[in-house]
Amino acid sequence: PLLRDTARVVETLCRPEQTYVCMW
């Protein structure tokens, strides 16, 4: 749920063509 919500924030504010979710 945290990753989903974080991706929603990024998508809403930045309107990207892609949102990468990567582990480092």
PDBML (XML) file of the C-alpha atoms, coordinates in Angstrom:
<?xml version="1.0" encoding="UTF-8" ?>
<PDBx:datablock datablockName="MODEL"
   xmlns:PDBx="http://pdbml.pdb.org/schema/pdbx-v50.xsd"
   xmlns:xsi="http://www.w3.org/2001/XMLSchema-instance"
   xsi:schemaLocation="http://pdbml.pdb.org/schema/pdbx-v50.xsd pdbx-v50.xsd">
   <PDBx:atom_siteCategory>
      <PDBx:atom_site id="1">
         <PDBx:B_iso_or_equiv>0.00</PDBx:B_iso_or_equiv>
         <PDBx:Cartn_x>0.000</PDBx:Cartn_x>
         <PDBx:Cartn_y>0.000</PDBx:Cartn_y>
         <PDBx:Cartn_z>0.000</PDBx:Cartn_z>
         <PDBx:auth_asym_id>A</PDBx:auth_asym_id>
         <PDBx:auth_atom_id>CA</PDBx:auth_atom_id>
         <PDBx:auth_comp_id>PRO</PDBx:auth_comp_id>
         <PDBx:auth_seq_id>1</PDBx:auth_seq_id>
         <PDBx:group_PDB>ATOM</PDBx:group_PDB>
         <PDBx:label_alt_id xsi:nil="true" />
         <PDBx:label_asym_id>A</PDBx:label_asym_id>
         <PDBx:label_atom_id>CA</PDBx:label_atom_id>
         <PDBx:label_comp_id>PRO</PDBx:label_comp_id>
         <PDBx:label_entity_id>1</PDBx:label_entity_id>
         <PDBx:label_seq_id>1</PDBx:label_seq_id>
         <PDBx:occupancy>1.00</PDBx:occupancy>
         <PDBx:pdbx_PDB_model_num>1</PDBx:pdbx_PDB_model_num>
         <PDBx:type_symbol>C</PDBx:type_symbol>
      </PDBx:atom_site>
      <PDBx:atom_site id="2">
         <PDBx:B_iso_or_equiv>0.00</PDBx:B_iso_or_equiv>
         <PDBx:Cartn_x>2.857</PDBx:Cartn_x>
         <PDBx:Cartn_y>2.434</PDBx:Cartn_y>
         <PDBx:Cartn_z>0.726</PDBx:Cartn_z>
         <PDBx:auth_asym_id>A</PDBx:auth_asym_id>
         <PDBx:auth_atom_id>CA</PDBx:auth_atom_id>
         <PDBx:auth_comp_id>LEU</PDBx:auth_comp_id>
         <PDBx:auth_seq_id>2</PDBx:auth_seq_id>
         <PDBx:group_PDB>ATOM</PDBx:group_PDB>
         <PDBx:label_alt_id xsi:nil="true" />
         <PDBx:label_asym_id>A</PDBx:label_asym_id>
         <PDBx:label_atom_id>CA</PDBx:label_atom_id>
         <PDBx:label_comp_id>LEU</PDBx:label_comp_id>
         <PDBx:label_entity_id>1</PDBx:label_entity_id>
         <PDBx:label_seq_id>2</PDBx:label_seq_id>
         <PDBx:occupancy>1.00</PDBx:occupancy>
         <PDBx:pdbx_PDB_model_num>1</PDBx:pdbx_PDB_model_num>
         <PDBx:type_symbol>C</PDBx:type_symbol>
      </PDBx:atom_site>
      <PDBx:atom_site id="3">
         <PDBx:B_iso_or_equiv>0.00</PDBx:B_iso_or_equiv>
         <PDBx:Cartn_x>4.403</PDBx:Cartn_x>
         <PDBx:Cartn_y>1.899</PDBx:Cartn_y>
         <PDBx:Cartn_z>-2.715</PDBx:Cartn_z>
         <PDBx:auth_asym_id>A</PDBx:auth_asym_id>
         <PDBx:auth_atom_id>CA</PDBx:auth_atom_id>
         <PDBx:auth_comp_id>LEU</PDBx:auth_comp_id>
         <PDBx:auth_seq_id>3</PDBx:auth_seq_id>
         <PDBx:group_PDB>ATOM</PDBx:group_PDB>
         <PDBx:label_alt_id xsi:nil="true" />
         <PDBx:label_asym_id>A</PDBx:label_asym_id>
         <PDBx:label_atom_id>CA</PDBx:label_atom_id>
         <PDBx:label_comp_id>LEU</PDBx:label_comp_id>
         <PDBx:label_entity_id>1</PDBx:label_entity_id>
         <PDBx:label_seq_id>3</PDBx:label_seq_id>
         <PDBx:occupancy>1.00</PDBx:occupancy>
         <PDBx:pdbx_PDB_model_num>1</PDBx:pdbx_PDB_model_num>
         <PDBx:type_symbol>C</PDBx:type_symbol>
      </PDBx:atom_site>
      <PDBx:atom_site id="4">
         <PDBx:B_iso_or_equiv>0.00</PDBx:B_iso_or_equiv>
         <PDBx:Cartn_x>0.971</PDBx:Cartn_x>
         <PDBx:Cartn_y>2.239</PDBx:Cartn_y>
         <PDBx:Cartn_z>-4.340</PDBx:Cartn_z>
         <PDBx:auth_asym_id>A</PDBx:auth_asym_id>
         <PDBx:auth_atom_id>CA</PDBx:auth_atom_id>
         <PDBx:auth_comp_id>ARG</PDBx:auth_comp_id>
         <PDBx:auth_seq_id>4</PDBx:auth_seq_id>
         <PDBx:group_PDB>ATOM</PDBx:group_PDB>
         <PDBx:label_alt_id xsi:nil="true" />
         <PDBx:label_asym_id>A</PDBx:label_asym_id>
         <PDBx:label_atom_id>CA</PDBx:label_atom_id>
         <PDBx:label_comp_id>ARG</PDBx:label_comp_id>
         <PDBx:label_entity_id>1</PDBx:label_entity_id>
         <PDBx:label_seq_id>4</PDBx:label_seq_id>
         <PDBx:occupancy>1.00</PDBx:occupancy>
         <PDBx:pdbx_PDB_model_num>1</PDBx:pdbx_PDB_model_num>
         <PDBx:type_symbol>C</PDBx:type_symbol>
      </PDBx:atom_site>
      <PDBx:atom_site id="5">
         <PDBx:B_iso_or_equiv>0.00</PDBx:B_iso_or_equiv>
         <PDBx:Cartn_x>0.298</PDBx:Cartn_x>
         <PDBx:Cartn_y>5.500</PDBx:Cartn_y>
         <PDBx:Cartn_z>-2.502</PDBx:Cartn_z>
         <PDBx:auth_asym_id>A</PDBx:auth_asym_id>
         <PDBx:auth_atom_id>CA</PDBx:auth_atom_id>
         <PDBx:auth_comp_id>ASP</PDBx:auth_comp_id>
         <PDBx:auth_seq_id>5</PDBx:auth_seq_id>
         <PDBx:group_PDB>ATOM</PDBx:group_PDB>
         <PDBx:label_alt_id xsi:nil="true" />
         <PDBx:label_asym_id>A</PDBx:label_asym_id>
         <PDBx:label_atom_id>CA</PDBx:label_atom_id>
         <PDBx:label_comp_id>ASP</PDBx:label_comp_id>
         <PDBx:label_entity_id>1</PDBx:label_entity_id>
         <PDBx:label_seq_id>5</PDBx:label_seq_id>
         <PDBx:occupancy>1.00</PDBx:occupancy>
         <PDBx:pdbx_PDB_model_num>1</PDBx:pdbx_PDB_model_num>
         <PDBx:type_symbol>C</PDBx:type_symbol>
      </PDBx:atom_site>
      <PDBx:atom_site id="6">
         <PDBx:B_iso_or_equiv>0.00</PDBx:B_iso_or_equiv>
         <PDBx:Cartn_x>3.772</PDBx:Cartn_x>
         <PDBx:Cartn_y>6.823</PDBx:Cartn_y>
         <PDBx:Cartn_z>-3.293</PDBx:Cartn_z>
         <PDBx:auth_asym_id>A</PDBx:auth_asym_id>
         <PDBx:auth_atom_id>CA</PDBx:auth_atom_id>
         <PDBx:auth_comp_id>THR</PDBx:auth_comp_id>
         <PDBx:auth_seq_id>6</PDBx:auth_seq_id>
         <PDBx:group_PDB>ATOM</PDBx:group_PDB>
         <PDBx:label_alt_id xsi:nil="true" />
         <PDBx:label_asym_id>A</PDBx:label_asym_id>
         <PDBx:label_atom_id>CA</PDBx:label_atom_id>
         <PDBx:label_comp_id>THR</PDBx:label_comp_id>
         <PDBx:label_entity_id>1</PDBx:label_entity_id>
         <PDBx:label_seq_id>6</PDBx:label_seq_id>
         <PDBx:occupancy>1.00</PDBx:occupancy>
         <PDBx:pdbx_PDB_model_num>1</PDBx:pdbx_PDB_model_num>
         <PDBx:type_symbol>C</PDBx:type_symbol>
      </PDBx:atom_site>
      <PDBx:atom_site id="7">
         <PDBx:B_iso_or_equiv>0.00</PDBx:B_iso_or_equiv>
         <PDBx:Cartn_x>3.284</PDBx:Cartn_x>
         <PDBx:Cartn_y>6.029</PDBx:Cartn_y>
         <PDBx:Cartn_z>-6.979</PDBx:Cartn_z>
         <PDBx:auth_asym_id>A</PDBx:auth_asym_id>
         <PDBx:auth_atom_id>CA</PDBx:auth_atom_id>
         <PDBx:auth_comp_id>ALA</PDBx:auth_comp_id>
         <PDBx:auth_seq_id>7</PDBx:auth_seq_id>
         <PDBx:group_PDB>ATOM</PDBx:group_PDB>
         <PDBx:label_alt_id xsi:nil="true" />
         <PDBx:label_asym_id>A</PDBx:label_asym_id>
         <PDBx:label_atom_id>CA</PDBx:label_atom_id>
         <PDBx:label_comp_id>ALA</PDBx:label_comp_id>
         <PDBx:label_entity_id>1</PDBx:label_entity_id>
         <PDBx:label_seq_id>7</PDBx:label_seq_id>
         <PDBx:occupancy>1.00</PDBx:occupancy>
         <PDBx:pdbx_PDB_model_num>1</PDBx:pdbx_PDB_model_num>
         <PDBx:type_symbol>C</PDBx:type_symbol>
      </PDBx:atom_site>
      <PDBx:atom_site id="8">
         <PDBx:B_iso_or_equiv>0.00</PDBx:B_iso_or_equiv>
         <PDBx:Cartn_x>-0.108</PDBx:Cartn_x>
         <PDBx:Cartn_y>7.786</PDBx:Cartn_y>
         <PDBx:Cartn_z>-6.860</PDBx:Cartn_z>
         <PDBx:auth_asym_id>A</PDBx:auth_asym_id>
         <PDBx:auth_atom_id>CA</PDBx:auth_atom_id>
         <PDBx:auth_comp_id>ARG</PDBx:auth_comp_id>
         <PDBx:auth_seq_id>8</PDBx:auth_seq_id>
         <PDBx:group_PDB>ATOM</PDBx:group_PDB>
         <PDBx:label_alt_id xsi:nil="true" />
         <PDBx:label_asym_id>A</PDBx:label_asym_id>
         <PDBx:label_atom_id>CA</PDBx:label_atom_id>
         <PDBx:label_comp_id>ARG</PDBx:label_comp_id>
         <PDBx:label_entity_id>1</PDBx:label_entity_id>
         <PDBx:label_seq_id>8</PDBx:label_seq_id>
         <PDBx:occupancy>1.00</PDBx:occupancy>
         <PDBx:pdbx_PDB_model_num>1</PDBx:pdbx_PDB_model_num>
         <PDBx:type_symbol>C</PDBx:type_symbol>
      </PDBx:atom_site>
      <PDBx:atom_site id="9">
         <PDBx:B_iso_or_equiv>0.00</PDBx:B_iso_or_equiv>
         <PDBx:Cartn_x>1.536</PDBx:Cartn_x>
         <PDBx:Cartn_y>10.900</PDBx:Cartn_y>
         <PDBx:Cartn_z>-5.434</PDBx:Cartn_z>
         <PDBx:auth_asym_id>A</PDBx:auth_asym_id>
         <PDBx:auth_atom_id>CA</PDBx:auth_atom_id>
         <PDBx:auth_comp_id>VAL</PDBx:auth_comp_id>
         <PDBx:auth_seq_id>9</PDBx:auth_seq_id>
         <PDBx:group_PDB>ATOM</PDBx:group_PDB>
         <PDBx:label_alt_id xsi:nil="true" />
         <PDBx:label_asym_id>A</PDBx:label_asym_id>
         <PDBx:label_atom_id>CA</PDBx:label_atom_id>
         <PDBx:label_comp_id>VAL</PDBx:label_comp_id>
         <PDBx:label_entity_id>1</PDBx:label_entity_id>
         <PDBx:label_seq_id>9</PDBx:label_seq_id>
         <PDBx:occupancy>1.00</PDBx:occupancy>
         <PDBx:pdbx_PDB_model_num>1</PDBx:pdbx_PDB_model_num>
         <PDBx:type_symbol>C</PDBx:type_symbol>
      </PDBx:atom_site>
      <PDBx:atom_site id="10">
         <PDBx:B_iso_or_equiv>0.00</PDBx:B_iso_or_equiv>
         <PDBx:Cartn_x>4.258</PDBx:Cartn_x>
         <PDBx:Cartn_y>10.860</PDBx:Cartn_y>
         <PDBx:Cartn_z>-8.095</PDBx:Cartn_z>
         <PDBx:auth_asym_id>A</PDBx:auth_asym_id>
         <PDBx:auth_atom_id>CA</PDBx:auth_atom_id>
         <PDBx:auth_comp_id>VAL</PDBx:auth_comp_id>
         <PDBx:auth_seq_id>10</PDBx:auth_seq_id>
         <PDBx:group_PDB>ATOM</PDBx:group_PDB>
         <PDBx:label_alt_id xsi:nil="true" />
         <PDBx:label_asym_id>A</PDBx:label_asym_id>
         <PDBx:label_atom_id>CA</PDBx:label_atom_id>
         <PDBx:label_comp_id>VAL</PDBx:label_comp_id>
         <PDBx:label_entity_id>1</PDBx:label_entity_id>
         <PDBx:label_seq_id>10</PDBx:label_seq_id>
         <PDBx:occupancy>1.00</PDBx:occupancy>
         <PDBx:pdbx_PDB_model_num>1</PDBx:pdbx_PDB_model_num>
         <PDBx:type_symbol>C</PDBx:type_symbol>
      </PDBx:atom_site>
      <PDBx:atom_site id="11">
         <PDBx:B_iso_or_equiv>0.00</PDBx:B_iso_or_equiv>
         <PDBx:Cartn_x>1.759</PDBx:Cartn_x>
         <PDBx:Cartn_y>10.221</PDBx:Cartn_y>
         <PDBx:Cartn_z>-10.899</PDBx:Cartn_z>
         <PDBx:auth_asym_id>A</PDBx:auth_asym_id>
         <PDBx:auth_atom_id>CA</PDBx:auth_atom_id>
         <PDBx:auth_comp_id>GLU</PDBx:auth_comp_id>
         <PDBx:auth_seq_id>11</PDBx:auth_seq_id>
         <PDBx:group_PDB>ATOM</PDBx:group_PDB>
         <PDBx:label_alt_id xsi:nil="true" />
         <PDBx:label_asym_id>A</PDBx:label_asym_id>
         <PDBx:label_atom_id>CA</PDBx:label_atom_id>
         <PDBx:label_comp_id>GLU</PDBx:label_comp_id>
         <PDBx:label_entity_id>1</PDBx:label_entity_id>
         <PDBx:label_seq_id>11</PDBx:label_seq_id>
         <PDBx:occupancy>1.00</PDBx:occupancy>
         <PDBx:pdbx_PDB_model_num>1</PDBx:pdbx_PDB_model_num>
         <PDBx:type_symbol>C</PDBx:type_symbol>
      </PDBx:atom_site>
      <PDBx:atom_site id="12">
         <PDBx:B_iso_or_equiv>0.00</PDBx:B_iso_or_equiv>
         <PDBx:Cartn_x>-0.607</PDBx:Cartn_x>
         <PDBx:Cartn_y>12.956</PDBx:Cartn_y>
         <PDBx:Cartn_z>-9.716</PDBx:Cartn_z>
         <PDBx:auth_asym_id>A</PDBx:auth_asym_id>
         <PDBx:auth_atom_id>CA</PDBx:auth_atom_id>
         <PDBx:auth_comp_id>THR</PDBx:auth_comp_id>
         <PDBx:auth_seq_id>12</PDBx:auth_seq_id>
         <PDBx:group_PDB>ATOM</PDBx:group_PDB>
         <PDBx:label_alt_id xsi:nil="true" />
         <PDBx:label_asym_id>A</PDBx:label_asym_id>
         <PDBx:label_atom_id>CA</PDBx:label_atom_id>
         <PDBx:label_comp_id>THR</PDBx:label_comp_id>
         <PDBx:label_entity_id>1</PDBx:label_entity_id>
         <PDBx:label_seq_id>12</PDBx:label_seq_id>
         <PDBx:occupancy>1.00</PDBx:occupancy>
         <PDBx:pdbx_PDB_model_num>1</PDBx:pdbx_PDB_model_num>
         <PDBx:type_symbol>C</PDBx:type_symbol>
      </PDBx:atom_site>
      <PDBx:atom_site id="13">
         <PDBx:B_iso_or_equiv>0.00</PDBx:B_iso_or_equiv>
         <PDBx:Cartn_x>2.051</PDBx:Cartn_x>
         <PDBx:Cartn_y>15.621</PDBx:Cartn_y>
         <PDBx:Cartn_z>-9.242</PDBx:Cartn_z>
         <PDBx:auth_asym_id>A</PDBx:auth_asym_id>
         <PDBx:auth_atom_id>CA</PDBx:auth_atom_id>
         <PDBx:auth_comp_id>LEU</PDBx:auth_comp_id>
         <PDBx:auth_seq_id>13</PDBx:auth_seq_id>
         <PDBx:group_PDB>ATOM</PDBx:group_PDB>
         <PDBx:label_alt_id xsi:nil="true" />
         <PDBx:label_asym_id>A</PDBx:label_asym_id>
         <PDBx:label_atom_id>CA</PDBx:label_atom_id>
         <PDBx:label_comp_id>LEU</PDBx:label_comp_id>
         <PDBx:label_entity_id>1</PDBx:label_entity_id>
         <PDBx:label_seq_id>13</PDBx:label_seq_id>
         <PDBx:occupancy>1.00</PDBx:occupancy>
         <PDBx:pdbx_PDB_model_num>1</PDBx:pdbx_PDB_model_num>
         <PDBx:type_symbol>C</PDBx:type_symbol>
      </PDBx:atom_site>
      <PDBx:atom_site id="14">
         <PDBx:B_iso_or_equiv>0.00</PDBx:B_iso_or_equiv>
         <PDBx:Cartn_x>4.355</PDBx:Cartn_x>
         <PDBx:Cartn_y>14.822</PDBx:Cartn_y>
         <PDBx:Cartn_z>-12.170</PDBx:Cartn_z>
         <PDBx:auth_asym_id>A</PDBx:auth_asym_id>
         <PDBx:auth_atom_id>CA</PDBx:auth_atom_id>
         <PDBx:auth_comp_id>CYS</PDBx:auth_comp_id>
         <PDBx:auth_seq_id>14</PDBx:auth_seq_id>
         <PDBx:group_PDB>ATOM</PDBx:group_PDB>
         <PDBx:label_alt_id xsi:nil="true" />
         <PDBx:label_asym_id>A</PDBx:label_asym_id>
         <PDBx:label_atom_id>CA</PDBx:label_atom_id>
         <PDBx:label_comp_id>CYS</PDBx:label_comp_id>
         <PDBx:label_entity_id>1</PDBx:label_entity_id>
         <PDBx:label_seq_id>14</PDBx:label_seq_id>
         <PDBx:occupancy>1.00</PDBx:occupancy>
         <PDBx:pdbx_PDB_model_num>1</PDBx:pdbx_PDB_model_num>
         <PDBx:type_symbol>C</PDBx:type_symbol>
      </PDBx:atom_site>
      <PDBx:atom_site id="15">
         <PDBx:B_iso_or_equiv>0.00</PDBx:B_iso_or_equiv>
         <PDBx:Cartn_x>2.082</PDBx:Cartn_x>
         <PDBx:Cartn_y>13.259</PDBx:Cartn_y>
         <PDBx:Cartn_z>-14.811</PDBx:Cartn_z>
         <PDBx:auth_asym_id>A</PDBx:auth_asym_id>
         <PDBx:auth_atom_id>CA</PDBx:auth_atom_id>
         <PDBx:auth_comp_id>ARG</PDBx:auth_comp_id>
         <PDBx:auth_seq_id>15</PDBx:auth_seq_id>
         <PDBx:group_PDB>ATOM</PDBx:group_PDB>
         <PDBx:label_alt_id xsi:nil="true" />
         <PDBx:label_asym_id>A</PDBx:label_asym_id>
         <PDBx:label_atom_id>CA</PDBx:label_atom_id>
         <PDBx:label_comp_id>ARG</PDBx:label_comp_id>
         <PDBx:label_entity_id>1</PDBx:label_entity_id>
         <PDBx:label_seq_id>15</PDBx:label_seq_id>
         <PDBx:occupancy>1.00</PDBx:occupancy>
         <PDBx:pdbx_PDB_model_num>1</PDBx:pdbx_PDB_model_num>
         <PDBx:type_symbol>C</PDBx:type_symbol>
      </PDBx:atom_site>
      <PDBx:atom_site id="16">
         <PDBx:B_iso_or_equiv>0.00</PDBx:B_iso_or_equiv>
         <PDBx:Cartn_x>4.900</PDBx:Cartn_x>
         <PDBx:Cartn_y>11.046</PDBx:Cartn_y>
         <PDBx:Cartn_z>-16.157</PDBx:Cartn_z>
         <PDBx:auth_asym_id>A</PDBx:auth_asym_id>
         <PDBx:auth_atom_id>CA</PDBx:auth_atom_id>
         <PDBx:auth_comp_id>PRO</PDBx:auth_comp_id>
         <PDBx:auth_seq_id>16</PDBx:auth_seq_id>
         <PDBx:group_PDB>ATOM</PDBx:group_PDB>
         <PDBx:label_alt_id xsi:nil="true" />
         <PDBx:label_asym_id>A</PDBx:label_asym_id>
         <PDBx:label_atom_id>CA</PDBx:label_atom_id>
         <PDBx:label_comp_id>PRO</PDBx:label_comp_id>
         <PDBx:label_entity_id>1</PDBx:label_entity_id>
         <PDBx:label_seq_id>16</PDBx:label_seq_id>
         <PDBx:occupancy>1.00</PDBx:occupancy>
         <PDBx:pdbx_PDB_model_num>1</PDBx:pdbx_PDB_model_num>
         <PDBx:type_symbol>C</PDBx:type_symbol>
      </PDBx:atom_site>
      <PDBx:atom_site id="17">
         <PDBx:B_iso_or_equiv>0.00</PDBx:B_iso_or_equiv>
         <PDBx:Cartn_x>4.690</PDBx:Cartn_x>
         <PDBx:Cartn_y>8.698</PDBx:Cartn_y>
         <PDBx:Cartn_z>-19.097</PDBx:Cartn_z>
         <PDBx:auth_asym_id>A</PDBx:auth_asym_id>
         <PDBx:auth_atom_id>CA</PDBx:auth_atom_id>
         <PDBx:auth_comp_id>GLU</PDBx:auth_comp_id>
         <PDBx:auth_seq_id>17</PDBx:auth_seq_id>
         <PDBx:group_PDB>ATOM</PDBx:group_PDB>
         <PDBx:label_alt_id xsi:nil="true" />
         <PDBx:label_asym_id>A</PDBx:label_asym_id>
         <PDBx:label_atom_id>CA</PDBx:label_atom_id>
         <PDBx:label_comp_id>GLU</PDBx:label_comp_id>
         <PDBx:label_entity_id>1</PDBx:label_entity_id>
         <PDBx:label_seq_id>17</PDBx:label_seq_id>
         <PDBx:occupancy>1.00</PDBx:occupancy>
         <PDBx:pdbx_PDB_model_num>1</PDBx:pdbx_PDB_model_num>
         <PDBx:type_symbol>C</PDBx:type_symbol>
      </PDBx:atom_site>
      <PDBx:atom_site id="18">
         <PDBx:B_iso_or_equiv>0.00</PDBx:B_iso_or_equiv>
         <PDBx:Cartn_x>6.230</PDBx:Cartn_x>
         <PDBx:Cartn_y>6.045</PDBx:Cartn_y>
         <PDBx:Cartn_z>-16.805</PDBx:Cartn_z>
         <PDBx:auth_asym_id>A</PDBx:auth_asym_id>
         <PDBx:auth_atom_id>CA</PDBx:auth_atom_id>
         <PDBx:auth_comp_id>GLN</PDBx:auth_comp_id>
         <PDBx:auth_seq_id>18</PDBx:auth_seq_id>
         <PDBx:group_PDB>ATOM</PDBx:group_PDB>
         <PDBx:label_alt_id xsi:nil="true" />
         <PDBx:label_asym_id>A</PDBx:label_asym_id>
         <PDBx:label_atom_id>CA</PDBx:label_atom_id>
         <PDBx:label_comp_id>GLN</PDBx:label_comp_id>
         <PDBx:label_entity_id>1</PDBx:label_entity_id>
         <PDBx:label_seq_id>18</PDBx:label_seq_id>
         <PDBx:occupancy>1.00</PDBx:occupancy>
         <PDBx:pdbx_PDB_model_num>1</PDBx:pdbx_PDB_model_num>
         <PDBx:type_symbol>C</PDBx:type_symbol>
      </PDBx:atom_site>
      <PDBx:atom_site id="19">
         <PDBx:B_iso_or_equiv>0.00</PDBx:B_iso_or_equiv>
         <PDBx:Cartn_x>6.782</PDBx:Cartn_x>
         <PDBx:Cartn_y>5.666</PDBx:Cartn_y>
         <PDBx:Cartn_z>-13.087</PDBx:Cartn_z>
         <PDBx:auth_asym_id>A</PDBx:auth_asym_id>
         <PDBx:auth_atom_id>CA</PDBx:auth_atom_id>
         <PDBx:auth_comp_id>THR</PDBx:auth_comp_id>
         <PDBx:auth_seq_id>19</PDBx:auth_seq_id>
         <PDBx:group_PDB>ATOM</PDBx:group_PDB>
         <PDBx:label_alt_id xsi:nil="true" />
         <PDBx:label_asym_id>A</PDBx:label_asym_id>
         <PDBx:label_atom_id>CA</PDBx:label_atom_id>
         <PDBx:label_comp_id>THR</PDBx:label_comp_id>
         <PDBx:label_entity_id>1</PDBx:label_entity_id>
         <PDBx:label_seq_id>19</PDBx:label_seq_id>
         <PDBx:occupancy>1.00</PDBx:occupancy>
         <PDBx:pdbx_PDB_model_num>1</PDBx:pdbx_PDB_model_num>
         <PDBx:type_symbol>C</PDBx:type_symbol>
      </PDBx:atom_site>
      <PDBx:atom_site id="20">
         <PDBx:B_iso_or_equiv>0.00</PDBx:B_iso_or_equiv>
         <PDBx:Cartn_x>9.753</PDBx:Cartn_x>
         <PDBx:Cartn_y>3.469</PDBx:Cartn_y>
         <PDBx:Cartn_z>-12.230</PDBx:Cartn_z>
         <PDBx:auth_asym_id>A</PDBx:auth_asym_id>
         <PDBx:auth_atom_id>CA</PDBx:auth_atom_id>
         <PDBx:auth_comp_id>TYR</PDBx:auth_comp_id>
         <PDBx:auth_seq_id>20</PDBx:auth_seq_id>
         <PDBx:group_PDB>ATOM</PDBx:group_PDB>
         <PDBx:label_alt_id xsi:nil="true" />
         <PDBx:label_asym_id>A</PDBx:label_asym_id>
         <PDBx:label_atom_id>CA</PDBx:label_atom_id>
         <PDBx:label_comp_id>TYR</PDBx:label_comp_id>
         <PDBx:label_entity_id>1</PDBx:label_entity_id>
         <PDBx:label_seq_id>20</PDBx:label_seq_id>
         <PDBx:occupancy>1.00</PDBx:occupancy>
         <PDBx:pdbx_PDB_model_num>1</PDBx:pdbx_PDB_model_num>
         <PDBx:type_symbol>C</PDBx:type_symbol>
      </PDBx:atom_site>
      <PDBx:atom_site id="21">
         <PDBx:B_iso_or_equiv>0.00</PDBx:B_iso_or_equiv>
         <PDBx:Cartn_x>9.727</PDBx:Cartn_x>
         <PDBx:Cartn_y>1.553</PDBx:Cartn_y>
         <PDBx:Cartn_z>-8.947</PDBx:Cartn_z>
         <PDBx:auth_asym_id>A</PDBx:auth_asym_id>
         <PDBx:auth_atom_id>CA</PDBx:auth_atom_id>
         <PDBx:auth_comp_id>VAL</PDBx:auth_comp_id>
         <PDBx:auth_seq_id>21</PDBx:auth_seq_id>
         <PDBx:group_PDB>ATOM</PDBx:group_PDB>
         <PDBx:label_alt_id xsi:nil="true" />
         <PDBx:label_asym_id>A</PDBx:label_asym_id>
         <PDBx:label_atom_id>CA</PDBx:label_atom_id>
         <PDBx:label_comp_id>VAL</PDBx:label_comp_id>
         <PDBx:label_entity_id>1</PDBx:label_entity_id>
         <PDBx:label_seq_id>21</PDBx:label_seq_id>
         <PDBx:occupancy>1.00</PDBx:occupancy>
         <PDBx:pdbx_PDB_model_num>1</PDBx:pdbx_PDB_model_num>
         <PDBx:type_symbol>C</PDBx:type_symbol>
      </PDBx:atom_site>
      <PDBx:atom_site id="22">
         <PDBx:B_iso_or_equiv>0.00</PDBx:B_iso_or_equiv>
         <PDBx:Cartn_x>13.219</PDBx:Cartn_x>
         <PDBx:Cartn_y>0.189</PDBx:Cartn_y>
         <PDBx:Cartn_z>-8.344</PDBx:Cartn_z>
         <PDBx:auth_asym_id>A</PDBx:auth_asym_id>
         <PDBx:auth_atom_id>CA</PDBx:auth_atom_id>
         <PDBx:auth_comp_id>CYS</PDBx:auth_comp_id>
         <PDBx:auth_seq_id>22</PDBx:auth_seq_id>
         <PDBx:group_PDB>ATOM</PDBx:group_PDB>
         <PDBx:label_alt_id xsi:nil="true" />
         <PDBx:label_asym_id>A</PDBx:label_asym_id>
         <PDBx:label_atom_id>CA</PDBx:label_atom_id>
         <PDBx:label_comp_id>CYS</PDBx:label_comp_id>
         <PDBx:label_entity_id>1</PDBx:label_entity_id>
         <PDBx:label_seq_id>22</PDBx:label_seq_id>
         <PDBx:occupancy>1.00</PDBx:occupancy>
         <PDBx:pdbx_PDB_model_num>1</PDBx:pdbx_PDB_model_num>
         <PDBx:type_symbol>C</PDBx:type_symbol>
      </PDBx:atom_site>
      <PDBx:atom_site id="23">
         <PDBx:B_iso_or_equiv>0.00</PDBx:B_iso_or_equiv>
         <PDBx:Cartn_x>14.979</PDBx:Cartn_x>
         <PDBx:Cartn_y>-1.347</PDBx:Cartn_y>
         <PDBx:Cartn_z>-5.361</PDBx:Cartn_z>
         <PDBx:auth_asym_id>A</PDBx:auth_asym_id>
         <PDBx:auth_atom_id>CA</PDBx:auth_atom_id>
         <PDBx:auth_comp_id>MET</PDBx:auth_comp_id>
         <PDBx:auth_seq_id>23</PDBx:auth_seq_id>
         <PDBx:group_PDB>ATOM</PDBx:group_PDB>
         <PDBx:label_alt_id xsi:nil="true" />
         <PDBx:label_asym_id>A</PDBx:label_asym_id>
         <PDBx:label_atom_id>CA</PDBx:label_atom_id>
         <PDBx:label_comp_id>MET</PDBx:label_comp_id>
         <PDBx:label_entity_id>1</PDBx:label_entity_id>
         <PDBx:label_seq_id>23</PDBx:label_seq_id>
         <PDBx:occupancy>1.00</PDBx:occupancy>
         <PDBx:pdbx_PDB_model_num>1</PDBx:pdbx_PDB_model_num>
         <PDBx:type_symbol>C</PDBx:type_symbol>
      </PDBx:atom_site>
      <PDBx:atom_site id="24">
         <PDBx:B_iso_or_equiv>0.00</PDBx:B_iso_or_equiv>
         <PDBx:Cartn_x>18.502</PDBx:Cartn_x>
         <PDBx:Cartn_y>-0.201</PDBx:Cartn_y>
         <PDBx:Cartn_z>-4.489</PDBx:Cartn_z>
         <PDBx:auth_asym_id>A</PDBx:auth_asym_id>
         <PDBx:auth_atom_id>CA</PDBx:auth_atom_id>
         <PDBx:auth_comp_id>TRP</PDBx:auth_comp_id>
         <PDBx:auth_seq_id>24</PDBx:auth_seq_id>
         <PDBx:group_PDB>ATOM</PDBx:group_PDB>
         <PDBx:label_alt_id xsi:nil="true" />
         <PDBx:label_asym_id>A</PDBx:label_asym_id>
         <PDBx:label_atom_id>CA</PDBx:label_atom_id>
         <PDBx:label_comp_id>TRP</PDBx:label_comp_id>
         <PDBx:label_entity_id>1</PDBx:label_entity_id>
         <PDBx:label_seq_id>24</PDBx:label_seq_id>
         <PDBx:occupancy>1.00</PDBx:occupancy>
         <PDBx:pdbx_PDB_model_num>1</PDBx:pdbx_PDB_model_num>
         <PDBx:type_symbol>C</PDBx:type_symbol>
      </PDBx:atom_site>
   </PDBx:atom_siteCategory>
</PDBx:datablock>
